[in-house]
Amino acid sequence: MERACRDCSTPAEAYQRGFFSFASQEEVDRDFANVAIFEIKSNHKLLDFLKDGSDAPEIRPREAQNIVSSMFRRAEPFGDPLKSA
């Protein structure tokens, strides 16, 4: 799973028996075809996830922040880093 998340076309982070990703179902089907068949179990609004965590799966806000931070670190190779002027 870790390798599939690393090689995914969008940032993904392994979690328990699945993973978190910004990918669509089509991207998940393509990028994880050699691992297993996955279906999206839950969707989260990013800011709510960071602030409140999740009930299903049960994730506290701090852990949610760590997951998203890891995904953003993995995202850097996908484009130019975020810049501010």
C-alpha atoms as a PDB file:
ATOM      1  CA  MET A   1       0.000   0.000   0.000  1.00  0.00           C
ATOM      2  CA  GLU A   2       2.796   2.428   0.875  1.00  0.00           C
ATOM      3  CA  ARG A   3       4.403   1.895  -2.525  1.00  0.00           C
ATOM      4  CA  ALA A   4       1.094   2.367  -4.358  1.00  0.00           C
ATOM      5  CA  CYS A   5       0.537   5.612  -2.444  1.00  0.00           C
ATOM      6  CA  ARG A   6       4.051   6.794  -3.338  1.00  0.00           C
ATOM      7  CA  ASP A   7       3.541   5.935  -7.017  1.00  0.00           C
ATOM      8  CA  CYS A   8      -0.002   7.342  -7.241  1.00  0.00           C
ATOM      9  CA  SER A   9      -0.670  10.125  -9.777  1.00  0.00           C
ATOM     10  CA  THR A  10      -2.134  12.277  -6.963  1.00  0.00           C
ATOM     11  CA  PRO A  11      -0.947  12.551  -3.360  1.00  0.00           C
ATOM     12  CA  ALA A  12      -2.135   9.640  -1.221  1.00  0.00           C
ATOM     13  CA  GLU A  13      -1.444   8.567   2.349  1.00  0.00           C
ATOM     14  CA  ALA A  14      -1.908   5.000   3.581  1.00  0.00           C
ATOM     15  CA  TYR A  15      -4.173   4.704   6.615  1.00  0.00           C
ATOM     16  CA  GLN A  16      -5.179   1.456   8.337  1.00  0.00           C
ATOM     17  CA  ARG A  17      -6.539  -0.848   5.575  1.00  0.00           C
ATOM     18  CA  GLY A  18      -7.015   1.960   3.052  1.00  0.00           C
ATOM     19  CA  PHE A  19      -5.722   5.402   2.250  1.00  0.00           C
ATOM     20  CA  PHE A  20      -6.557   9.087   1.987  1.00  0.00           C
ATOM     21  CA  SER A  21      -6.221  10.843  -1.344  1.00  0.00           C
ATOM     22  CA  PHE A  22      -7.420  13.810  -3.362  1.00  0.00           C
ATOM     23  CA  ALA A  23      -7.982  11.360  -6.256  1.00  0.00           C
ATOM     24  CA  SER A  24     -11.269  10.732  -8.037  1.00  0.00           C
ATOM     25  CA  GLN A  25     -12.712   7.210  -8.153  1.00  0.00           C
ATOM     26  CA  GLU A  26     -11.353   6.829 -11.702  1.00  0.00           C
ATOM     27  CA  GLU A  27      -7.850   7.778 -10.567  1.00  0.00           C
ATOM     28  CA  VAL A  28      -8.104   5.371  -7.633  1.00  0.00           C
ATOM     29  CA  ASP A  29      -9.226   2.575  -9.973  1.00  0.00           C
ATOM     30  CA  ARG A  30      -6.275   3.223 -12.281  1.00  0.00           C
ATOM     31  CA  ASP A  31      -3.537   3.872  -9.731  1.00  0.00           C
ATOM     32  CA  PHE A  32      -4.428   1.070  -7.303  1.00  0.00           C
ATOM     33  CA  ALA A  33      -5.498  -1.607  -9.811  1.00  0.00           C
ATOM     34  CA  ASN A  34      -2.466  -3.750  -8.918  1.00  0.00           C
ATOM     35  CA  VAL A  35      -3.250  -3.561  -5.164  1.00  0.00           C
ATOM     36  CA  ALA A  36      -6.995  -4.154  -4.810  1.00  0.00           C
ATOM     37  CA  ILE A  37     -10.374  -2.777  -5.788  1.00  0.00           C
ATOM     38  CA  PHE A  38     -11.213   0.241  -3.640  1.00  0.00           C
ATOM     39  CA  GLU A  39     -14.345   2.299  -3.338  1.00  0.00           C
ATOM     40  CA  ILE A  40     -14.550   5.686  -1.698  1.00  0.00           C
ATOM     41  CA  LYS A  41     -15.969   5.170   1.804  1.00  0.00           C
ATOM     42  CA  SER A  42     -16.062   8.774   2.944  1.00  0.00           C
ATOM     43  CA  ASN A  43     -15.537  12.292   1.675  1.00  0.00           C
ATOM     44  CA  HIS A  44     -14.347  15.125   3.847  1.00  0.00           C
ATOM     45  CA  LYS A  45     -14.230  18.859   3.328  1.00  0.00           C
ATOM     46  CA  LEU A  46     -10.587  19.734   3.864  1.00  0.00           C
ATOM     47  CA  LEU A  47     -11.017  22.538   6.412  1.00  0.00           C
ATOM     48  CA  ASP A  48     -13.601  20.568   8.417  1.00  0.00           C
ATOM     49  CA  PHE A  49     -11.312  17.520   8.407  1.00  0.00           C
ATOM     50  CA  LEU A  50      -8.399  19.602   9.680  1.00  0.00           C
ATOM     51  CA  LYS A  51     -10.516  21.296  12.357  1.00  0.00           C
ATOM     52  CA  ASP A  52     -12.737  18.429  13.538  1.00  0.00           C
ATOM     53  CA  GLY A  53     -11.097  15.214  12.376  1.00  0.00           C
ATOM     54  CA  SER A  54     -13.480  12.427  11.360  1.00  0.00           C
ATOM     55  CA  ASP A  55     -16.065  10.152  12.933  1.00  0.00           C
ATOM     56  CA  ALA A  56     -15.744   7.432  10.277  1.00  0.00           C
ATOM     57  CA  PRO A  57     -12.990   6.468  10.324  1.00  0.00           C
ATOM     58  CA  GLU A  58     -12.341   7.825  13.804  1.00  0.00           C
ATOM     59  CA  ILE A  59      -9.548  10.374  13.474  1.00  0.00           C
ATOM     60  CA  ARG A  60      -8.754  13.178  15.864  1.00  0.00           C
ATOM     61  CA  PRO A  61      -7.961  16.642  14.489  1.00  0.00           C
ATOM     62  CA  ARG A  62      -4.205  16.396  15.170  1.00  0.00           C
ATOM     63  CA  GLU A  63      -3.952  13.095  13.300  1.00  0.00           C
ATOM     64  CA  ALA A  64      -6.007  14.568  10.430  1.00  0.00           C
ATOM     65  CA  GLN A  65      -3.556  17.477  10.259  1.00  0.00           C
ATOM     66  CA  ASN A  66      -0.626  15.038  10.119  1.00  0.00           C
ATOM     67  CA  ILE A  67      -2.252  13.065   7.279  1.00  0.00           C
ATOM     68  CA  VAL A  68      -2.926  16.182   5.224  1.00  0.00           C
ATOM     69  CA  SER A  69       0.567  17.585   5.901  1.00  0.00           C
ATOM     70  CA  SER A  70       2.094  14.362   4.642  1.00  0.00           C
ATOM     71  CA  MET A  71      -0.072  14.494   1.522  1.00  0.00           C
ATOM     72  CA  PHE A  72       0.982  18.094   0.838  1.00  0.00           C
ATOM     73  CA  ARG A  73       4.646  17.119   1.191  1.00  0.00           C
ATOM     74  CA  ARG A  74       4.083  14.349  -1.358  1.00  0.00           C
ATOM     75  CA  ALA A  75       2.307  16.824  -3.661  1.00  0.00           C
ATOM     76  CA  GLU A  76       5.374  19.006  -4.268  1.00  0.00           C
ATOM     77  CA  PRO A  77       6.632  16.928  -7.222  1.00  0.00           C
ATOM     78  CA  PHE A  78       3.201  17.330  -8.889  1.00  0.00           C
ATOM     79  CA  GLY A  79       3.687  21.015  -9.600  1.00  0.00           C
ATOM     80  CA  ASP A  80       5.346  24.213  -8.576  1.00  0.00           C
ATOM     81  CA  PRO A  81       5.415  24.883  -4.846  1.00  0.00           C
ATOM     82  CA  LEU A  82       2.813  27.295  -3.498  1.00  0.00           C
ATOM     83  CA  LYS A  83       4.127  30.837  -3.698  1.00  0.00           C
ATOM     84  CA  SER A  84       2.983  34.053  -2.113  1.00  0.00           C
ATOM     85  CA  ALA A  85       3.803  37.614  -3.072  1.00  0.00           C
END
